[in-house]
Amino acid sequence: PEIEEEEEEKEEEEEEEEEEEMDIEDKMDDPEIIEPYEIEEGELPPLPADSDTSSDSEPEVEAEDQDGDEATVGTITRA
């Protein structure tokens, strides 16, 4: 019985090793957790981009009104 107990202890140690391996798998799951994070990051830039677009749209329209005609004429002339 004593020897069996020792064997059981060894088995437990092996199980612990397996748990360590599973920990590594958990770490590998972390990148998967980061993936949705990346999507969130991807969604975040568009939001500021929208704000920039709104801010840029107004100046852009003004620029188009002023330089737009000149640029168009210049483009046609160059063409």
PDB file of N, CA and C in Angstrom:
ATOM      1  N   PRO A   1       0.844  -1.207   0.000  1.00  0.00           N
ATOM      2  CA  PRO A   1       0.000   0.000   0.000  1.00  0.00           C
ATOM      3  C   PRO A   1       0.875   1.251   0.000  1.00  0.00           C
ATOM      4  N   GLU A   2       1.965   1.196   0.752  1.00  0.00           N
ATOM      5  CA  GLU A   2       2.824   2.381   0.814  1.00  0.00           C
ATOM      6  C   GLU A   2       3.372   2.684  -0.582  1.00  0.00           C
ATOM      7  N   ILE A   3       3.830   1.638  -1.264  1.00  0.00           N
ATOM      8  CA  ILE A   3       4.393   1.836  -2.598  1.00  0.00           C
ATOM      9  C   ILE A   3       3.312   2.425  -3.515  1.00  0.00           C
ATOM     10  N   GLU A   4       2.110   1.881  -3.405  1.00  0.00           N
ATOM     11  CA  GLU A   4       1.017   2.387  -4.247  1.00  0.00           C
ATOM     12  C   GLU A   4       0.812   3.877  -3.983  1.00  0.00           C
ATOM     13  N   GLU A   5       0.862   4.221  -2.715  1.00  0.00           N
ATOM     14  CA  GLU A   5       0.667   5.634  -2.364  1.00  0.00           C
ATOM     15  C   GLU A   5       1.727   6.476  -3.065  1.00  0.00           C
ATOM     16  N   GLU A   6       2.967   5.982  -3.045  1.00  0.00           N
ATOM     17  CA  GLU A   6       4.043   6.739  -3.693  1.00  0.00           C
ATOM     18  C   GLU A   6       3.717   6.894  -5.174  1.00  0.00           C
ATOM     19  N   GLU A   7       3.255   5.798  -5.780  1.00  0.00           N
ATOM     20  CA  GLU A   7       2.916   5.867  -7.200  1.00  0.00           C
ATOM     21  C   GLU A   7       1.827   6.915  -7.419  1.00  0.00           C
ATOM     22  N   GLU A   8       0.856   6.898  -6.525  1.00  0.00           N
ATOM     23  CA  GLU A   8      -0.232   7.869  -6.657  1.00  0.00           C
ATOM     24  C   GLU A   8       0.342   9.282  -6.599  1.00  0.00           C
ATOM     25  N   GLU A   9       1.284   9.475  -5.699  1.00  0.00           N
ATOM     26  CA  GLU A   9       1.891  10.803  -5.578  1.00  0.00           C
ATOM     27  C   GLU A   9       2.555  11.169  -6.903  1.00  0.00           C
ATOM     28  N   LYS A  10       3.271  10.209  -7.491  1.00  0.00           N
ATOM     29  CA  LYS A  10       3.929  10.482  -8.766  1.00  0.00           C
ATOM     30  C   LYS A  10       2.875  10.858  -9.809  1.00  0.00           C
ATOM     31  N   GLU A  11       1.781  10.104  -9.800  1.00  0.00           N
ATOM     32  CA  GLU A  11       0.720  10.407 -10.775  1.00  0.00           C
ATOM     33  C   GLU A  11       0.232  11.838 -10.570  1.00  0.00           C
ATOM     34  N   GLU A  12       0.063  12.201  -9.307  1.00  0.00           N
ATOM     35  CA  GLU A  12      -0.397  13.562  -9.014  1.00  0.00           C
ATOM     36  C   GLU A  12       0.602  14.564  -9.587  1.00  0.00           C
ATOM     37  N   GLU A  13       1.885  14.255  -9.423  1.00  0.00           N
ATOM     38  CA  GLU A  13       2.906  15.168  -9.946  1.00  0.00           C
ATOM     39  C   GLU A  13       2.736  15.282 -11.458  1.00  0.00           C
ATOM     40  N   GLU A  14       2.514  14.139 -12.103  1.00  0.00           N
ATOM     41  CA  GLU A  14       2.326  14.168 -13.553  1.00  0.00           C
ATOM     42  C   GLU A  14       1.129  15.049 -13.897  1.00  0.00           C
ATOM     43  N   GLU A  15       0.069  14.894 -13.113  1.00  0.00           N
ATOM     44  CA  GLU A  15      -1.121  15.707 -13.368  1.00  0.00           C
ATOM     45  C   GLU A  15      -0.757  17.185 -13.260  1.00  0.00           C
ATOM     46  N   GLU A  16       0.061  17.498 -12.283  1.00  0.00           N
ATOM     47  CA  GLU A  16       0.467  18.897 -12.111  1.00  0.00           C
ATOM     48  C   GLU A  16       1.180  19.365 -13.376  1.00  0.00           C
ATOM     49  N   GLU A  17       2.052  18.505 -13.906  1.00  0.00           N
ATOM     50  CA  GLU A  17       2.762  18.870 -15.131  1.00  0.00           C
ATOM     51  C   GLU A  17       1.749  19.141 -16.242  1.00  0.00           C
ATOM     52  N   GLU A  18       0.751  18.272 -16.324  1.00  0.00           N
ATOM     53  CA  GLU A  18      -0.280  18.466 -17.350  1.00  0.00           C
ATOM     54  C   GLU A  18      -0.952  19.819 -17.143  1.00  0.00           C
ATOM     55  N   GLU A  19      -1.207  20.135 -15.876  1.00  0.00           N
ATOM     56  CA  GLU A  19      -1.846  21.422 -15.587  1.00  0.00           C
ATOM     57  C   GLU A  19      -0.959  22.550 -16.106  1.00  0.00           C
ATOM     58  N   GLU A  20       0.349  22.391 -15.923  1.00  0.00           N
ATOM     59  CA  GLU A  20       1.263  23.425 -16.410  1.00  0.00           C
ATOM     60  C   GLU A  20       1.102  23.557 -17.922  1.00  0.00           C
ATOM     61  N   GLU A  21       1.022  22.406 -18.597  1.00  0.00           N
ATOM     62  CA  GLU A  21       0.836  22.455 -20.046  1.00  0.00           C
ATOM     63  C   GLU A  21      -0.465  23.187 -20.372  1.00  0.00           C
ATOM     64  N   MET A  22      -1.500  22.893 -19.582  1.00  0.00           N
ATOM     65  CA  MET A  22      -2.780  23.561 -19.820  1.00  0.00           C
ATOM     66  C   MET A  22      -2.622  25.061 -19.586  1.00  0.00           C
ATOM     67  N   ASP A  23      -1.765  25.432 -18.637  1.00  0.00           N
ATOM     68  CA  ASP A  23      -1.525  26.856 -18.397  1.00  0.00           C
ATOM     69  C   ASP A  23      -0.972  27.473 -19.675  1.00  0.00           C
ATOM     70  N   ILE A  24      -0.053  26.753 -20.305  1.00  0.00           N
ATOM     71  CA  ILE A  24       0.513  27.261 -21.555  1.00  0.00           C
ATOM     72  C   ILE A  24      -0.615  27.439 -22.575  1.00  0.00           C
ATOM     73  N   GLU A  25      -1.521  26.471 -22.610  1.00  0.00           N
ATOM     74  CA  GLU A  25      -2.655  26.597 -23.534  1.00  0.00           C
ATOM     75  C   GLU A  25      -3.459  27.843 -23.174  1.00  0.00           C
ATOM     76  N   ASP A  26      -3.637  28.059 -21.857  1.00  0.00           N
ATOM     77  CA  ASP A  26      -4.375  29.253 -21.442  1.00  0.00           C
ATOM     78  C   ASP A  26      -3.648  30.487 -21.969  1.00  0.00           C
ATOM     79  N   LYS A  27      -2.331  30.471 -21.877  1.00  0.00           N
ATOM     80  CA  LYS A  27      -1.576  31.619 -22.384  1.00  0.00           C
ATOM     81  C   LYS A  27      -1.819  31.756 -23.885  1.00  0.00           C
ATOM     82  N   MET A  28      -1.906  30.614 -24.567  1.00  0.00           N
ATOM     83  CA  MET A  28      -2.155  30.672 -26.005  1.00  0.00           C
ATOM     84  C   MET A  28      -3.565  31.218 -26.259  1.00  0.00           C
ATOM     85  N   ASP A  29      -4.458  31.016 -25.296  1.00  0.00           N
ATOM     86  CA  ASP A  29      -5.806  31.566 -25.454  1.00  0.00           C
ATOM     87  C   ASP A  29      -5.755  33.085 -25.312  1.00  0.00           C
ATOM     88  N   ASP A  30      -4.760  33.595 -24.594  1.00  0.00           N
ATOM     89  CA  ASP A  30      -4.667  35.039 -24.388  1.00  0.00           C
ATOM     90  C   ASP A  30      -4.644  35.775 -25.727  1.00  0.00           C
ATOM     91  N   PRO A  31      -3.799  35.366 -26.667  1.00  0.00           N
ATOM     92  CA  PRO A  31      -3.824  36.042 -27.973  1.00  0.00           C
ATOM     93  C   PRO A  31      -5.228  36.048 -28.560  1.00  0.00           C
ATOM     94  N   GLU A  32      -5.972  34.965 -28.353  1.00  0.00           N
ATOM     95  CA  GLU A  32      -7.349  34.951 -28.868  1.00  0.00           C
ATOM     96  C   GLU A  32      -8.149  36.046 -28.179  1.00  0.00           C
ATOM     97  N   ILE A  33      -7.879  36.249 -26.895  1.00  0.00           N
ATOM     98  CA  ILE A  33      -8.584  37.317 -26.176  1.00  0.00           C
ATOM     99  C   ILE A  33      -8.152  38.658 -26.759  1.00  0.00           C
ATOM    100  N   ILE A  34      -6.906  38.751 -27.177  1.00  0.00           N
ATOM    101  CA  ILE A  34      -6.403  40.013 -27.746  1.00  0.00           C
ATOM    102  C   ILE A  34      -7.082  40.268 -29.095  1.00  0.00           C
ATOM    103  N   GLU A  35      -7.424  39.189 -29.819  1.00  0.00           N
ATOM    104  CA  GLU A  35      -8.031  39.381 -31.142  1.00  0.00           C
ATOM    105  C   GLU A  35      -9.258  40.283 -31.070  1.00  0.00           C
ATOM    106  N   PRO A  36     -10.237  39.939 -30.213  1.00  0.00           N
ATOM    107  CA  PRO A  36     -11.392  40.839 -30.112  1.00  0.00           C
ATOM    108  C   PRO A  36     -10.929  42.239 -29.739  1.00  0.00           C
ATOM    109  N   TYR A  37      -9.868  42.305 -28.957  1.00  0.00           N
ATOM    110  CA  TYR A  37      -9.333  43.616 -28.565  1.00  0.00           C
ATOM    111  C   TYR A  37      -8.909  44.359 -29.824  1.00  0.00           C
ATOM    112  N   GLU A  38      -8.214  43.640 -30.739  1.00  0.00           N
ATOM    113  CA  GLU A  38      -7.773  44.269 -31.987  1.00  0.00           C
ATOM    114  C   GLU A  38      -8.981  44.795 -32.744  1.00  0.00           C
ATOM    115  N   ILE A  39     -10.055  44.008 -32.766  1.00  0.00           N
ATOM    116  CA  ILE A  39     -11.260  44.454 -33.466  1.00  0.00           C
ATOM    117  C   ILE A  39     -11.747  45.744 -32.816  1.00  0.00           C
ATOM    118  N   GLU A  40     -11.731  45.759 -31.480  1.00  0.00           N
ATOM    119  CA  GLU A  40     -12.160  46.978 -30.784  1.00  0.00           C
ATOM    120  C   GLU A  40     -11.244  48.119 -31.205  1.00  0.00           C
ATOM    121  N   GLU A  41      -9.939  47.864 -31.245  1.00  0.00           N
ATOM    122  CA  GLU A  41      -9.007  48.912 -31.650  1.00  0.00           C
ATOM    123  C   GLU A  41      -9.342  49.350 -33.072  1.00  0.00           C
ATOM    124  N   GLY A  42      -9.652  48.382 -33.922  1.00  0.00           N
ATOM    125  CA  GLY A  42     -10.001  48.716 -35.300  1.00  0.00           C
ATOM    126  C   GLY A  42     -11.247  49.578 -35.328  1.00  0.00           C
ATOM    127  N   GLU A  43     -12.197  49.276 -34.446  1.00  0.00           N
ATOM    128  CA  GLU A  43     -13.425  50.072 -34.422  1.00  0.00           C
ATOM    129  C   GLU A  43     -13.129  51.460 -33.860  1.00  0.00           C
ATOM    130  N   LEU A  44     -12.176  51.544 -32.947  1.00  0.00           N
ATOM    131  CA  LEU A  44     -11.896  52.850 -32.324  1.00  0.00           C
ATOM    132  C   LEU A  44     -11.365  53.852 -33.356  1.00  0.00           C
ATOM    133  N   PRO A  45     -10.358  53.506 -34.154  1.00  0.00           N
ATOM    134  CA  PRO A  45      -9.842  54.489 -35.121  1.00  0.00           C
ATOM    135  C   PRO A  45     -10.934  55.061 -36.024  1.00  0.00           C
ATOM    136  N   PRO A  46     -11.835  54.241 -36.557  1.00  0.00           N
ATOM    137  CA  PRO A  46     -12.901  54.807 -37.402  1.00  0.00           C
ATOM    138  C   PRO A  46     -13.685  55.885 -36.669  1.00  0.00           C
ATOM    139  N   LEU A  47     -13.921  55.707 -35.362  1.00  0.00           N
ATOM    140  CA  LEU A  47     -14.689  56.728 -34.636  1.00  0.00           C
ATOM    141  C   LEU A  47     -13.958  58.065 -34.708  1.00  0.00           C
ATOM    142  N   PRO A  48     -12.679  58.136 -34.311  1.00  0.00           N
ATOM    143  CA  PRO A  48     -11.968  59.408 -34.455  1.00  0.00           C
ATOM    144  C   PRO A  48     -11.926  59.816 -35.923  1.00  0.00           C
ATOM    145  N   ALA A  49     -11.758  58.860 -36.810  1.00  0.00           N
ATOM    146  CA  ALA A  49     -11.725  59.175 -38.242  1.00  0.00           C
ATOM    147  C   ALA A  49     -13.031  59.859 -38.617  1.00  0.00           C
ATOM    148  N   ASP A  50     -14.143  59.360 -38.084  1.00  0.00           N
ATOM    149  CA  ASP A  50     -15.435  60.005 -38.376  1.00  0.00           C
ATOM    150  C   ASP A  50     -15.397  61.452 -37.889  1.00  0.00           C
ATOM    151  N   SER A  51     -14.900  61.658 -36.673  1.00  0.00           N
ATOM    152  CA  SER A  51     -14.826  63.023 -36.148  1.00  0.00           C
ATOM    153  C   SER A  51     -13.913  63.830 -37.069  1.00  0.00           C
ATOM    154  N   ASP A  52     -12.758  63.245 -37.418  1.00  0.00           N
ATOM    155  CA  ASP A  52     -11.833  63.964 -38.307  1.00  0.00           C
ATOM    156  C   ASP A  52     -12.532  64.242 -39.632  1.00  0.00           C
ATOM    157  N   THR A  53     -13.251  63.255 -40.139  1.00  0.00           N
ATOM    158  CA  THR A  53     -13.938  63.451 -41.421  1.00  0.00           C
ATOM    159  C   THR A  53     -14.937  64.592 -41.290  1.00  0.00           C
ATOM    160  N   SER A  54     -15.683  64.605 -40.185  1.00  0.00           N
ATOM    161  CA  SER A  54     -16.658  65.687 -39.991  1.00  0.00           C
ATOM    162  C   SER A  54     -15.902  67.010 -39.960  1.00  0.00           C
ATOM    163  N   SER A  55     -14.830  67.087 -39.173  1.00  0.00           N
ATOM    164  CA  SER A  55     -14.080  68.342 -39.086  1.00  0.00           C
ATOM    165  C   SER A  55     -13.441  68.623 -40.445  1.00  0.00           C
ATOM    166  N   ASP A  56     -12.860  67.585 -41.050  1.00  0.00           N
ATOM    167  CA  ASP A  56     -12.191  67.784 -42.344  1.00  0.00           C
ATOM    168  C   ASP A  56     -13.210  68.101 -43.431  1.00  0.00           C
ATOM    169  N   SER A  57     -14.392  67.504 -43.336  1.00  0.00           N
ATOM    170  CA  SER A  57     -15.395  67.709 -44.389  1.00  0.00           C
ATOM    171  C   SER A  57     -15.665  69.202 -44.535  1.00  0.00           C
ATOM    172  N   GLU A  58     -15.887  69.894 -43.435  1.00  0.00           N
ATOM    173  CA  GLU A  58     -16.201  71.323 -43.532  1.00  0.00           C
ATOM    174  C   GLU A  58     -15.044  72.075 -44.193  1.00  0.00           C
ATOM    175  N   PRO A  59     -13.826  71.959 -43.657  1.00  0.00           N
ATOM    176  CA  PRO A  59     -12.713  72.656 -44.314  1.00  0.00           C
ATOM    177  C   PRO A  59     -12.519  72.138 -45.736  1.00  0.00           C
ATOM    178  N   GLU A  60     -12.713  70.829 -45.920  1.00  0.00           N
ATOM    179  CA  GLU A  60     -12.528  70.261 -47.255  1.00  0.00           C
ATOM    180  C   GLU A  60     -13.488  70.925 -48.234  1.00  0.00           C
ATOM    181  N   VAL A  61     -14.739  71.050 -47.833  1.00  0.00           N
ATOM    182  CA  VAL A  61     -15.735  71.680 -48.717  1.00  0.00           C
ATOM    183  C   VAL A  61     -15.266  73.083 -49.041  1.00  0.00           C
ATOM    184  N   GLU A  62     -14.815  73.820 -48.015  1.00  0.00           N
ATOM    185  CA  GLU A  62     -14.343  75.186 -48.257  1.00  0.00           C
ATOM    186  C   GLU A  62     -13.164  75.136 -49.230  1.00  0.00           C
ATOM    187  N   ALA A  63     -12.237  74.217 -48.978  1.00  0.00           N
ATOM    188  CA  ALA A  63     -11.069  74.110 -49.845  1.00  0.00           C
ATOM    189  C   ALA A  63     -11.529  73.783 -51.257  1.00  0.00           C
ATOM    190  N   GLU A  64     -12.494  72.886 -51.369  1.00  0.00           N
ATOM    191  CA  GLU A  64     -12.990  72.529 -52.702  1.00  0.00           C
ATOM    192  C   GLU A  64     -13.610  73.756 -53.369  1.00  0.00           C
ATOM    193  N   ASP A  65     -14.352  74.542 -52.589  1.00  0.00           N
ATOM    194  CA  ASP A  65     -14.976  75.732 -53.170  1.00  0.00           C
ATOM    195  C   ASP A  65     -13.885  76.677 -53.679  1.00  0.00           C
ATOM    196  N   GLN A  66     -12.849  76.870 -52.860  1.00  0.00           N
ATOM    197  CA  GLN A  66     -11.810  77.828 -53.245  1.00  0.00           C
ATOM    198  C   GLN A  66     -10.843  77.187 -54.248  1.00  0.00           C
ATOM    199  N   ASP A  67     -10.135  76.119 -53.760  1.00  0.00           N
ATOM    200  CA  ASP A  67      -9.130  75.494 -54.616  1.00  0.00           C
ATOM    201  C   ASP A  67      -9.765  74.500 -55.586  1.00  0.00           C
ATOM    202  N   GLY A  68     -10.946  74.024 -55.269  1.00  0.00           N
ATOM    203  CA  GLY A  68     -11.591  73.009 -56.100  1.00  0.00           C
ATOM    204  C   GLY A  68     -11.609  73.449 -57.561  1.00  0.00           C
ATOM    205  N   ASP A  69     -12.126  74.625 -57.826  1.00  0.00           N
ATOM    206  CA  ASP A  69     -12.215  75.094 -59.224  1.00  0.00           C
ATOM    207  C   ASP A  69     -10.808  75.198 -59.814  1.00  0.00           C
ATOM    208  N   GLU A  70      -9.902  75.838 -59.071  1.00  0.00           N
ATOM    209  CA  GLU A  70      -8.543  75.990 -59.588  1.00  0.00           C
ATOM    210  C   GLU A  70      -7.937  74.622 -59.868  1.00  0.00           C
ATOM    211  N   ALA A  71      -8.089  73.694 -58.889  1.00  0.00           N
ATOM    212  CA  ALA A  71      -7.513  72.367 -59.057  1.00  0.00           C
ATOM    213  C   ALA A  71      -8.132  71.716 -60.290  1.00  0.00           C
ATOM    214  N   THR A  72      -9.448  71.820 -60.422  1.00  0.00           N
ATOM    215  CA  THR A  72     -10.112  71.209 -61.573  1.00  0.00           C
ATOM    216  C   THR A  72      -9.569  71.820 -62.860  1.00  0.00           C
ATOM    217  N   VAL A  73      -9.504  73.129 -62.910  1.00  0.00           N
ATOM    218  CA  VAL A  73      -8.988  73.795 -64.113  1.00  0.00           C
ATOM    219  C   VAL A  73      -7.562  73.332 -64.362  1.00  0.00           C
ATOM    220  N   GLY A  74      -6.755  73.332 -63.274  1.00  0.00           N
ATOM    221  CA  GLY A  74      -5.363  72.921 -63.414  1.00  0.00           C
ATOM    222  C   GLY A  74      -5.301  71.488 -63.925  1.00  0.00           C
ATOM    223  N   THR A  75      -6.159  70.624 -63.391  1.00  0.00           N
ATOM    224  CA  THR A  75      -6.139  69.229 -63.818  1.00  0.00           C
ATOM    225  C   THR A  75      -6.494  69.149 -65.296  1.00  0.00           C
ATOM    226  N   ILE A  76      -7.521  69.858 -65.692  1.00  0.00           N
ATOM    227  CA  ILE A  76      -7.945  69.816 -67.101  1.00  0.00           C
ATOM    228  C   ILE A  76      -6.802  70.351 -67.966  1.00  0.00           C
ATOM    229  N   THR A  77      -6.189  71.450 -67.535  1.00  0.00           N
ATOM    230  CA  THR A  77      -5.096  72.036 -68.317  1.00  0.00           C
ATOM    231  C   THR A  77      -3.964  71.023 -68.438  1.00  0.00           C
ATOM    232  N   ARG A  78      -3.615  70.393 -67.290  1.00  0.00           N
ATOM    233  CA  ARG A  78      -2.521  69.429 -67.331  1.00  0.00           C
ATOM    234  C   ARG A  78      -2.911  68.279 -68.254  1.00  0.00           C
ATOM    235  N   ALA A  79      -4.178  67.825 -68.142  1.00  0.00           N
ATOM    236  CA  ALA A  79      -4.616  66.700 -68.963  1.00  0.00           C
ATOM    237  C   ALA A  79      -4.494  67.148 -70.415  1.00  0.00           C
TER     238      ALA A  79
END
